[in-house]
Amino acid sequence: MGLTPAETRARARLLMRRAVLSRAGQDRSEDPESELTRIEAALRRIDEGRYGICDQCGSGIGAQVMLENPAATLCGSCLATHGHQSA
């Protein structure tokens, strides 16, 4: 199954971030283990063809949200409802 250009870019960014976190052992923005878990989940969604689909409502998440957070799991509407981004 071929990846879209957006999925290819997201996959590269996620893999790079995973490598950085693995080497650094810590991240000031959030718990490294938590972020690694989010990255692994996003990579799985890419492989399964579910990347960019909201976990809550099933609609598309949107390119801008995915660019800002390649591990996003909620669309803008659901994100506003829930008030935070989960993995």
Protein backbone atom coordinates (compact mmCIF):
# COMPACT_ATOMS: atom_id res chain seq x y z
CA MET A 1 0.00 0.00 0.00
CA GLY A 2 1.49 3.34 -1.05
CA LEU A 3 1.62 6.30 1.25
CA THR A 4 0.39 9.75 0.33
CA PRO A 5 2.97 12.57 0.28
CA ALA A 6 1.55 13.89 3.58
CA GLU A 7 1.81 10.44 5.18
CA THR A 8 5.37 10.09 3.92
CA ARG A 9 6.36 13.46 5.42
CA ALA A 10 4.59 12.72 8.70
CA ARG A 11 6.22 9.29 8.92
CA ALA A 12 9.67 10.85 8.41
CA ARG A 13 9.02 13.52 11.07
CA LEU A 14 7.70 10.94 13.53
CA LEU A 15 10.62 8.59 12.98
CA MET A 16 13.09 11.44 13.43
CA ARG A 17 11.39 12.58 16.65
CA ARG A 18 11.35 9.00 17.94
CA ALA A 19 15.09 8.70 17.30
CA VAL A 20 15.81 12.01 19.03
CA LEU A 21 13.76 11.03 22.09
CA SER A 22 15.34 7.60 22.24
CA ARG A 23 18.84 9.10 22.22
CA ALA A 24 18.14 12.04 24.52
CA GLY A 25 16.26 10.12 27.16
CA GLN A 26 14.32 13.23 28.16
CA ASP A 27 12.27 16.01 26.65
CA ARG A 28 11.31 19.26 28.30
CA SER A 29 7.90 19.53 26.61
CA GLU A 30 6.41 16.27 27.94
CA ASP A 31 7.29 12.90 29.36
CA PRO A 32 9.50 11.12 26.77
CA GLU A 33 7.74 7.79 27.26
CA SER A 34 4.36 9.42 26.67
CA GLU A 35 5.57 11.10 23.50
CA LEU A 36 7.19 7.89 22.25
CA THR A 37 3.88 6.09 22.80
CA ARG A 38 2.05 8.77 20.77
CA ILE A 39 4.65 8.49 17.98
CA GLU A 40 4.39 4.70 17.84
CA ALA A 41 0.59 4.96 17.68
CA ALA A 42 0.79 7.49 14.82
CA LEU A 43 3.20 5.26 12.89
CA ARG A 44 0.78 2.34 13.36
CA ARG A 45 -2.10 4.47 12.04
CA ILE A 46 -0.03 5.34 8.95
CA ASP A 47 0.73 1.65 8.34
CA GLU A 48 -2.93 0.71 8.85
CA GLY A 49 -4.26 3.44 6.55
CA ARG A 50 -6.03 5.26 9.40
CA TYR A 51 -3.70 8.27 9.59
CA GLY A 52 -5.43 11.66 9.64
CA ILE A 53 -8.79 10.23 10.69
CA CYS A 54 -10.34 11.54 13.93
CA ASP A 55 -10.60 8.88 16.64
CA GLN A 56 -13.82 10.44 17.96
CA CYS A 57 -15.97 11.26 14.93
CA GLY A 58 -14.20 9.59 11.99
CA SER A 59 -13.81 12.76 9.92
CA GLY A 60 -10.55 14.00 8.44
CA ILE A 61 -8.27 15.78 10.88
CA GLY A 62 -7.05 18.41 8.43
CA ALA A 63 -3.67 19.18 6.93
CA GLN A 64 -2.81 22.14 9.19
CA VAL A 65 -3.43 20.16 12.38
CA MET A 66 -1.40 17.23 11.03
CA LEU A 67 1.47 19.56 10.08
CA GLU A 68 1.51 21.07 13.56
CA ASN A 69 1.13 17.73 15.31
CA PRO A 70 1.82 14.63 13.18
CA ALA A 71 0.62 12.43 16.05
CA ALA A 72 -2.79 14.15 16.28
CA THR A 73 -5.77 11.89 16.82
CA LEU A 74 -8.63 14.43 16.96
CA CYS A 75 -10.08 16.82 14.38
CA GLY A 76 -10.46 20.51 15.22
CA SER A 77 -14.09 20.13 16.35
CA CYS A 78 -13.39 17.19 18.65
CA LEU A 79 -10.21 18.84 19.90
CA ALA A 80 -12.23 21.93 20.88
CA THR A 81 -14.79 19.72 22.61
CA HIS A 82 -12.18 17.72 24.52
CA GLY A 83 -9.79 20.63 25.10
CA HIS A 84 -6.56 18.71 24.51
CA GLN A 85 -4.83 16.39 22.03
CA SER A 86 -4.63 12.74 23.01
CA ALA A 87 -2.78 9.89 21.39
